Amino acid sequence: MDLLLVCGELYAPESRGVVEIFVAGGVIQSISPVPAHGVSPVRALVESLRGRVIDVVPPHFIAPGLVDQHVHVTGGGGEKGPASRVPEAQIEEIVEGGVTTVVGVLGTDCVSRSLENLLFKTRALQHDGITAYMYTGSYRAPPVTLLGNVQRDIALVEQVIGVGELAVSDHRGSNPAFDTLCLIASDARTGGMLGAKAGVVHLHMGDGDTGLAPIWEVVNKAHIPITQFVPTHMSRNPRLIQEAIAWAGQGGYVDFTADQDENRELAQVLENYRSHGTIPLGQMSVSSDSYGSLPRFGPGGELVGYGYGRPTCLLGLFSLLVAEHHWPIYDALSMFTSNPAKMIKLQRKGRVEVGCDADIVVLDLSHDKLETRAMYVIARGKVLREDNKPMVKG
């Protein structure tokens, strides 16, 4: 059994002071204050059994591994033809972003990309060292599935924890009717109950005028709990930014999309919510949409620009929240760790606590450069990144 001791200032994500985190079997076994004098018994034990000790010195600090609930691990894109398909995710790039848990999605393209491909890629990432889940379905409705319907996929396939990213109010989606949305949501909820999973409906929110209206109808008429839905891309336009307030006001979760080119705008949106108290911080999260295409459409619907997301955009946004908007480290970290883990019901993720999986990062935040680097990344007790260099490659 691999033994590991990580010592330093901990944000779990709340501040816990300077501690020793003892890891065995990929699980956090104990967290205790560093003694003022001498060597602690747990440190003596790890050293005597030739385990690994990582001493973290300021300004570096310890935090939970990031939980990214929206990653196109098989690559996204395709809106500009076959040559515009984005390449699939690489493990070394994911851990460079401090991410230790991902949820894979299909997007626009469920023609040249398949759920079978997505399932195998999540298994590959799991083999590489991180934790990987997936959603069944794609933009389309009725959803594409592995076993015939959403309920069976969630209940029976270990890696499937929900359905998505189902497109709503988007010209690339299927404009699903009320009955279709009700069936998808109830199948996801029941599948989650049977499989002891979240069973969430992960919603891609587009630019259409209807916004969240189709989902409000399901919540109000079909008795599906509002927390069964996680709408993402919620800062896409001013309408959605406003709609998020009413949605969260009824207890709903809202997810935002980091983008290295637009992080400063998103940071201001989040700061406005926080400073005015319009959305409780515990109901917001940020995902990366990494390896998904970032198309830009003109007023006539024509494609005018193209790029794709990167996993490091999450730490870029964290830097802005802390260094420019003066968020406490705990508040900023929770957007990428404990909050998304709560939304998708991953009880052993997103926190550094006894009994949780040993998903730990050591971060270096530079206020001057507005940059945060993942110096160490530990996933399920294995060191995947050390001294700002990858220790694993796909």
Protein backbone atom coordinates (compact mmCIF):
# COMPACT_ATOMS: atom_id res chain seq x y z
CA MET A 1 0.00 0.00 0.00
CA ASP A 2 1.34 3.41 -1.03
CA LEU A 3 1.74 5.84 1.89
CA LEU A 4 1.82 9.59 1.38
CA LEU A 5 2.04 12.57 3.71
CA VAL A 6 1.34 16.09 2.44
CA CYS A 7 2.21 18.91 4.85
CA GLY A 8 1.36 22.59 4.48
CA GLU A 9 -1.38 25.23 4.55
CA LEU A 10 -4.70 23.64 3.62
CA TYR A 11 -7.83 25.07 2.04
CA ALA A 12 -10.24 22.15 2.15
CA PRO A 13 -11.70 24.37 0.52
CA GLU A 14 -12.25 26.30 3.80
CA SER A 15 -9.08 27.36 5.60
CA ARG A 16 -7.74 24.63 7.92
CA GLY A 17 -4.33 26.07 8.79
CA VAL A 18 -1.04 24.18 8.52
CA VAL A 19 -1.69 20.45 8.67
CA GLU A 20 -0.41 16.99 7.84
CA ILE A 21 -2.60 14.98 5.46
CA PHE A 22 -2.01 11.25 5.72
CA VAL A 23 -2.97 9.18 2.66
CA ALA A 24 -3.07 5.41 2.36
CA GLY A 25 -4.82 3.26 -0.22
CA GLY A 26 -5.76 6.33 -2.23
CA VAL A 27 -7.95 7.68 0.61
CA ILE A 28 -7.35 10.46 3.15
CA GLN A 29 -6.90 8.67 6.49
CA SER A 30 -6.19 11.59 8.81
CA ILE A 31 -5.69 15.35 8.91
CA SER A 32 -3.87 16.75 11.93
CA PRO A 33 -2.08 19.97 12.90
CA VAL A 34 1.65 20.07 12.34
CA PRO A 35 3.30 19.92 15.79
CA ALA A 36 5.16 23.00 16.94
CA HIS A 37 8.20 20.92 17.87
CA GLY A 38 9.57 17.56 16.87
CA VAL A 39 8.23 14.96 14.46
CA SER A 40 4.62 13.81 14.59
CA PRO A 41 3.85 10.09 15.01
CA VAL A 42 2.22 9.92 11.57
CA ARG A 43 5.26 11.48 9.90
CA ALA A 44 7.54 9.07 11.75
CA LEU A 45 5.36 6.17 10.55
CA VAL A 46 5.38 7.25 6.89
CA GLU A 47 9.13 7.81 6.91
CA SER A 48 9.83 4.49 8.66
CA LEU A 49 7.79 2.64 6.02
CA ARG A 50 9.52 4.56 3.23
CA GLY A 51 6.43 6.42 2.16
CA ARG A 52 6.43 9.73 0.33
CA VAL A 53 6.48 13.08 2.19
CA ILE A 54 5.68 16.33 0.36
CA ASP A 55 6.39 19.50 2.33
CA VAL A 56 4.52 22.49 0.95
CA VAL A 57 6.03 25.85 1.81
CA PRO A 58 4.43 29.31 1.37
CA PRO A 59 3.30 30.86 -0.88
CA HIS A 60 2.20 27.45 -2.16
CA PHE A 61 -0.90 25.93 -0.55
CA ILE A 62 -2.90 22.70 -0.58
CA ALA A 63 -6.40 22.45 -2.09
CA PRO A 64 -8.84 19.81 -3.33
CA GLY A 65 -8.43 18.55 -6.88
CA LEU A 66 -10.72 20.40 -9.24
CA VAL A 67 -14.00 18.79 -10.36
CA ASP A 68 -14.86 19.64 -13.97
CA GLN A 69 -18.39 18.56 -14.85
CA HIS A 70 -18.22 19.44 -18.55
CA VAL A 71 -15.32 18.13 -20.64
CA HIS A 72 -15.39 16.95 -24.26
CA VAL A 73 -12.89 14.19 -23.55
CA THR A 74 -13.29 12.67 -27.03
CA GLY A 75 -13.01 16.10 -28.64
CA GLY A 76 -15.83 18.32 -29.78
CA GLY A 77 -16.51 20.65 -32.63
CA GLY A 78 -17.34 19.87 -36.22
CA GLU A 79 -19.52 22.92 -36.93
CA LYS A 80 -17.11 23.89 -39.71
CA GLY A 81 -16.91 20.45 -41.28
CA PRO A 82 -14.74 17.36 -40.70
CA ALA A 83 -11.49 19.35 -40.54
CA SER A 84 -12.83 21.36 -37.58
CA ARG A 85 -13.13 18.39 -35.21
CA VAL A 86 -11.23 19.12 -31.99
CA PRO A 87 -8.68 16.49 -30.87
CA GLU A 88 -9.46 14.39 -27.80
CA ALA A 89 -8.31 15.22 -24.27
CA GLN A 90 -4.81 14.41 -23.06
CA ILE A 91 -4.22 13.42 -19.44
CA GLU A 92 -1.17 15.66 -19.01
CA GLU A 93 -3.18 18.73 -20.10
CA ILE A 94 -6.03 17.89 -17.74
CA VAL A 95 -3.76 17.59 -14.71
CA GLU A 96 -1.90 20.76 -15.71
CA GLY A 97 -5.20 22.47 -14.98
CA GLY A 98 -5.34 20.92 -11.49
CA VAL A 99 -8.32 18.77 -12.50
CA THR A 100 -8.64 15.32 -10.90
CA THR A 101 -12.28 14.52 -11.74
CA VAL A 102 -13.99 15.00 -15.11
CA VAL A 103 -17.41 14.29 -16.57
CA GLY A 104 -17.24 13.59 -20.29
CA VAL A 105 -19.89 14.87 -22.71
CA LEU A 106 -20.88 14.63 -26.33
CA GLY A 107 -21.97 17.92 -27.85
CA THR A 108 -23.17 18.92 -31.29
CA ASP A 109 -21.65 15.90 -32.99
CA CYS A 110 -23.20 12.53 -32.17
CA VAL A 111 -22.66 11.41 -35.78
CA SER A 112 -18.88 11.01 -35.99
CA ARG A 113 -18.57 10.83 -32.17
CA SER A 114 -20.28 8.06 -30.25
CA LEU A 115 -21.18 7.17 -26.67
CA GLU A 116 -19.17 3.97 -27.07
CA ASN A 117 -16.11 6.10 -27.88
CA LEU A 118 -16.89 8.35 -24.90
CA LEU A 119 -17.21 5.37 -22.56
CA PHE A 120 -13.85 3.96 -23.64
CA LYS A 121 -12.18 7.36 -23.26
CA THR A 122 -13.49 7.73 -19.69
CA ARG A 123 -12.09 4.28 -18.93
CA ALA A 124 -8.74 5.32 -20.43
CA LEU A 125 -8.58 8.47 -18.28
CA GLN A 126 -9.48 6.42 -15.22
CA HIS A 127 -6.60 4.09 -16.08
CA ASP A 128 -4.29 7.11 -16.45
CA GLY A 129 -5.00 8.08 -12.83
CA ILE A 130 -7.84 10.60 -12.61
CA THR A 131 -11.53 9.90 -11.95
CA ALA A 132 -13.72 10.04 -15.06
CA TYR A 133 -17.50 9.86 -15.48
CA MET A 134 -19.77 10.65 -18.43
CA TYR A 135 -23.26 11.70 -19.44
CA THR A 136 -25.35 9.69 -21.85
CA GLY A 137 -26.98 11.63 -24.69
CA SER A 138 -25.81 14.70 -26.60
CA TYR A 139 -27.42 17.91 -27.90
CA ARG A 140 -30.21 15.90 -29.51
CA ALA A 141 -33.58 14.78 -28.19
CA PRO A 142 -34.59 12.04 -27.90
CA PRO A 143 -31.09 11.29 -26.58
CA VAL A 144 -28.71 8.79 -28.10
CA THR A 145 -28.04 6.03 -25.55
CA LEU A 146 -25.95 2.94 -24.96
CA LEU A 147 -28.62 0.52 -23.70
CA GLY A 148 -31.83 1.79 -25.27
CA ASN A 149 -32.92 4.56 -22.89
CA VAL A 150 -31.58 7.11 -20.41
CA GLN A 151 -32.83 5.25 -17.35
CA ARG A 152 -31.00 2.04 -18.25
CA ASP A 153 -27.76 3.83 -19.09
CA ILE A 154 -27.64 5.65 -15.74
CA ALA A 155 -28.72 2.67 -13.66
CA LEU A 156 -26.55 0.03 -15.34
CA VAL A 157 -23.40 1.68 -16.74
CA GLU A 158 -20.98 2.49 -13.93
CA GLN A 159 -19.49 5.57 -15.56
CA VAL A 160 -22.81 7.22 -16.54
CA ILE A 161 -24.10 9.65 -13.88
CA GLY A 162 -26.66 11.64 -15.88
CA VAL A 163 -27.78 12.80 -19.32
CA GLY A 164 -26.45 15.73 -21.34
CA GLU A 165 -25.40 18.04 -22.63
CA LEU A 166 -28.98 18.39 -23.86
CA ALA A 167 -29.32 21.56 -25.95
CA VAL A 168 -32.07 24.01 -24.96
CA SER A 169 -32.83 27.28 -26.77
CA ASP A 170 -30.12 26.57 -29.33
CA HIS A 171 -30.40 26.33 -33.12
CA ARG A 172 -28.13 23.26 -33.09
CA GLY A 173 -30.45 21.33 -30.76
CA SER A 174 -33.76 19.57 -31.35
CA ASN A 175 -36.03 22.12 -29.65
CA PRO A 176 -37.48 19.36 -27.45
CA ALA A 177 -41.17 19.59 -26.59
CA PHE A 178 -42.57 19.52 -23.06
CA ASP A 179 -43.40 15.78 -23.13
CA THR A 180 -39.92 14.90 -24.41
CA LEU A 181 -38.21 16.95 -21.70
CA CYS A 182 -40.43 15.38 -19.03
CA LEU A 183 -39.54 11.86 -20.18
CA ILE A 184 -35.80 12.64 -20.25
CA ALA A 185 -35.89 14.23 -16.79
CA SER A 186 -37.98 11.48 -15.18
CA ASP A 187 -35.83 8.75 -16.77
CA ALA A 188 -32.68 10.47 -15.48
CA ARG A 189 -34.13 10.88 -12.00
CA THR A 190 -35.34 7.28 -11.78
CA GLY A 191 -32.13 5.91 -13.26
CA GLY A 192 -30.19 7.86 -10.65
CA MET A 193 -32.35 6.46 -7.87
CA LEU A 194 -31.88 2.89 -9.09
CA GLY A 195 -28.14 3.29 -9.62
CA ALA A 196 -27.46 5.43 -6.51
CA LYS A 197 -26.22 8.29 -8.70
CA ALA A 198 -27.07 11.94 -9.31
CA GLY A 199 -29.19 11.31 -12.41
CA VAL A 200 -28.81 14.95 -13.40
CA VAL A 201 -29.95 16.53 -16.66
CA HIS A 202 -26.99 18.61 -17.79
CA LEU A 203 -28.34 21.40 -20.02
CA HIS A 204 -26.48 23.26 -22.75
CA MET A 205 -28.07 26.70 -22.74
CA GLY A 206 -28.03 28.40 -26.12
CA ASP A 207 -28.66 31.95 -27.31
CA GLY A 208 -32.34 31.45 -28.16
CA ASP A 209 -35.02 33.80 -26.87
CA THR A 210 -36.79 31.05 -24.89
CA GLY A 211 -33.91 30.75 -22.41
CA LEU A 212 -34.84 28.58 -19.44
CA ALA A 213 -38.59 28.73 -20.16
CA PRO A 214 -38.86 25.11 -21.42
CA ILE A 215 -37.19 23.84 -18.24
CA TRP A 216 -39.31 26.03 -15.98
CA GLU A 217 -42.38 24.39 -17.52
CA VAL A 218 -41.09 20.93 -16.60
CA VAL A 219 -40.23 22.00 -13.05
CA ASN A 220 -43.60 23.67 -12.52
CA LYS A 221 -45.86 21.09 -14.16
CA ALA A 222 -44.11 17.73 -13.93
CA HIS A 223 -42.97 17.84 -10.28
CA ILE A 224 -39.32 17.22 -11.18
CA PRO A 225 -37.08 18.81 -8.50
CA ILE A 226 -35.25 21.85 -9.80
CA THR A 227 -31.92 20.41 -8.58
CA GLN A 228 -32.31 17.56 -11.08
CA PHE A 229 -31.21 20.06 -13.74
CA VAL A 230 -27.80 21.72 -14.08
CA PRO A 231 -27.92 24.40 -16.79
CA THR A 232 -24.50 25.44 -18.05
CA HIS A 233 -23.12 28.31 -20.20
CA MET A 234 -25.28 30.58 -18.01
CA SER A 235 -23.22 33.71 -18.73
CA ARG A 236 -23.65 33.31 -22.50
CA ASN A 237 -25.82 36.44 -22.80
CA PRO A 238 -27.40 39.12 -20.56
CA ARG A 239 -30.77 37.33 -20.57
CA LEU A 240 -29.31 34.13 -19.10
CA ILE A 241 -27.26 36.11 -16.58
CA GLN A 242 -30.53 37.55 -15.29
CA GLU A 243 -32.47 34.29 -15.56
CA ALA A 244 -29.86 32.61 -13.38
CA ILE A 245 -30.97 34.77 -10.44
CA ALA A 246 -34.59 33.58 -10.57
CA TRP A 247 -33.50 29.97 -11.13
CA ALA A 248 -31.17 30.02 -8.13
CA GLY A 249 -33.84 31.83 -6.13
CA GLN A 250 -35.95 28.66 -6.31
CA GLY A 251 -33.01 26.52 -5.17
CA GLY A 252 -31.61 25.64 -8.60
CA TYR A 253 -27.95 25.17 -9.49
CA VAL A 254 -26.22 27.22 -12.18
CA ASP A 255 -22.97 26.40 -13.97
CA PHE A 256 -20.81 28.86 -15.86
CA THR A 257 -18.20 28.25 -18.54
CA ALA A 258 -14.64 29.46 -18.14
CA ASP A 259 -12.87 30.71 -21.25
CA GLN A 260 -9.31 32.01 -21.23
CA ASP A 261 -10.28 34.80 -23.64
CA GLU A 262 -13.43 35.83 -21.73
CA ASN A 263 -12.57 34.98 -18.11
CA ARG A 264 -12.37 38.63 -17.11
CA GLU A 265 -16.01 39.16 -18.18
CA LEU A 266 -17.13 36.02 -16.34
CA ALA A 267 -15.21 37.06 -13.21
CA GLN A 268 -17.14 40.34 -13.21
CA VAL A 269 -20.48 38.49 -13.58
CA LEU A 270 -19.64 36.26 -10.62
CA GLU A 271 -18.46 39.23 -8.58
CA ASN A 272 -21.76 41.01 -9.25
CA TYR A 273 -23.72 38.01 -7.98
CA ARG A 274 -21.52 37.77 -4.90
CA SER A 275 -21.39 41.46 -4.00
CA HIS A 276 -25.16 41.93 -4.42
CA GLY A 277 -26.04 38.60 -2.81
CA THR A 278 -28.30 37.67 -5.75
CA ILE A 279 -27.10 34.05 -6.00
CA PRO A 280 -25.72 32.09 -3.02
CA LEU A 281 -22.17 30.95 -3.75
CA GLY A 282 -23.09 27.37 -2.88
CA GLN A 283 -25.42 27.18 -5.88
CA MET A 284 -22.83 28.23 -8.49
CA SER A 285 -20.06 26.30 -10.18
CA VAL A 286 -17.69 26.74 -13.11
CA SER A 287 -16.71 24.13 -15.71
CA SER A 288 -14.24 24.36 -18.57
CA ASP A 289 -16.03 23.02 -21.68
CA SER A 290 -12.49 22.00 -22.56
CA TYR A 291 -11.84 20.30 -25.90
CA GLY A 292 -15.24 21.56 -27.01
CA SER A 293 -15.45 24.00 -29.86
CA LEU A 294 -15.94 27.69 -29.16
CA PRO A 295 -17.73 28.82 -32.33
CA ARG A 296 -18.74 32.43 -32.86
CA PHE A 297 -21.77 33.13 -35.02
CA GLY A 298 -22.63 36.35 -36.81
CA PRO A 299 -26.01 38.13 -36.80
CA GLY A 300 -27.22 36.01 -39.71
CA GLY A 301 -26.28 32.74 -38.00
CA GLU A 302 -23.12 32.32 -40.07
CA LEU A 303 -20.00 30.88 -38.43
CA VAL A 304 -17.44 33.69 -38.14
CA GLY A 305 -14.84 32.30 -35.74
CA TYR A 306 -13.63 29.10 -34.13
CA GLY A 307 -11.52 27.93 -31.20
CA TYR A 308 -11.61 25.33 -28.43
CA GLY A 309 -11.46 25.28 -24.66
CA ARG A 310 -8.50 24.33 -22.47
CA PRO A 311 -8.48 22.74 -18.99
CA THR A 312 -6.18 25.46 -17.59
CA CYS A 313 -8.92 28.10 -18.00
CA LEU A 314 -10.34 27.13 -14.58
CA LEU A 315 -7.19 28.13 -12.71
CA GLY A 316 -7.06 31.28 -14.83
CA LEU A 317 -10.51 32.29 -13.58
CA PHE A 318 -9.59 31.37 -10.00
CA SER A 319 -6.62 33.76 -10.24
CA LEU A 320 -8.86 36.62 -11.36
CA LEU A 321 -11.41 36.06 -8.60
CA VAL A 322 -8.76 36.07 -5.87
CA ALA A 323 -6.23 38.59 -7.18
CA GLU A 324 -8.49 41.12 -8.96
CA HIS A 325 -11.80 40.80 -7.13
CA HIS A 326 -10.29 39.93 -3.74
CA TRP A 327 -12.40 36.83 -3.12
CA PRO A 328 -11.31 34.72 -0.15
CA ILE A 329 -9.48 31.66 -1.41
CA TYR A 330 -12.19 29.45 0.10
CA ASP A 331 -15.02 31.14 -1.82
CA ALA A 332 -13.14 31.01 -5.10
CA LEU A 333 -12.02 27.39 -4.70
CA SER A 334 -15.52 26.17 -3.90
CA MET A 335 -16.69 27.15 -7.40
CA PHE A 336 -14.36 24.52 -8.89
CA THR A 337 -14.34 21.86 -6.15
CA SER A 338 -17.01 21.32 -3.50
CA ASN A 339 -19.86 23.01 -5.39
CA PRO A 340 -19.72 20.94 -8.59
CA ALA A 341 -19.15 17.79 -6.53
CA LYS A 342 -22.35 18.59 -4.60
CA MET A 343 -24.33 19.25 -7.77
CA ILE A 344 -23.51 15.86 -9.28
CA LYS A 345 -23.50 14.05 -5.92
CA LEU A 346 -19.88 12.93 -5.80
CA GLN A 347 -19.57 12.67 -2.04
CA ARG A 348 -15.89 11.66 -2.01
CA LYS A 349 -14.80 14.47 -4.32
CA GLY A 350 -14.23 18.21 -4.10
CA ARG A 351 -13.05 18.30 -0.49
CA VAL A 352 -9.94 17.41 1.50
CA GLU A 353 -11.57 15.48 4.34
CA VAL A 354 -10.99 12.19 6.13
CA GLY A 355 -12.64 9.43 4.10
CA CYS A 356 -12.54 11.36 0.82
CA ASP A 357 -10.53 10.23 -2.18
CA ALA A 358 -7.01 11.62 -1.99
CA ASP A 359 -7.47 14.16 -4.81
CA ILE A 360 -5.13 16.96 -3.79
CA VAL A 361 -3.40 19.81 -5.61
CA VAL A 362 -0.62 22.13 -4.53
CA LEU A 363 -1.20 25.56 -6.04
CA ASP A 364 1.06 28.53 -6.65
CA LEU A 365 -0.96 31.74 -6.99
CA SER A 366 0.90 34.74 -8.39
CA HIS A 367 -1.06 37.94 -7.69
CA ASP A 368 1.28 39.96 -9.90
CA LYS A 369 0.94 37.71 -12.96
CA LEU A 370 -2.72 36.80 -12.33
CA GLU A 371 -1.64 33.20 -12.74
CA THR A 372 -2.13 30.00 -10.74
CA ARG A 373 -0.04 26.93 -11.44
CA ALA A 374 -0.67 23.38 -10.29
CA MET A 375 2.74 22.46 -8.86
CA TYR A 376 1.62 19.03 -7.61
CA VAL A 377 -1.45 17.05 -8.63
CA ILE A 378 -2.35 13.95 -6.63
CA ALA A 379 -5.28 11.83 -7.82
CA ARG A 380 -6.50 8.90 -5.72
CA GLY A 381 -3.19 9.03 -3.86
CA LYS A 382 -0.96 8.91 -6.97
CA VAL A 383 1.31 11.82 -7.89
CA LEU A 384 0.47 12.78 -11.48
CA ARG A 385 2.23 16.15 -11.56
CA GLU A 386 5.32 17.16 -9.61
CA ASP A 387 7.28 20.41 -9.50
CA ASN A 388 5.03 21.79 -12.26
CA LYS A 389 5.90 18.89 -14.58
CA PRO A 390 3.68 16.00 -15.73
CA MET A 391 4.47 12.56 -14.33
CA VAL A 392 1.95 10.80 -16.58
CA LYS A 393 1.23 10.95 -20.30
CA GLY A 394 -1.63 9.54 -22.33
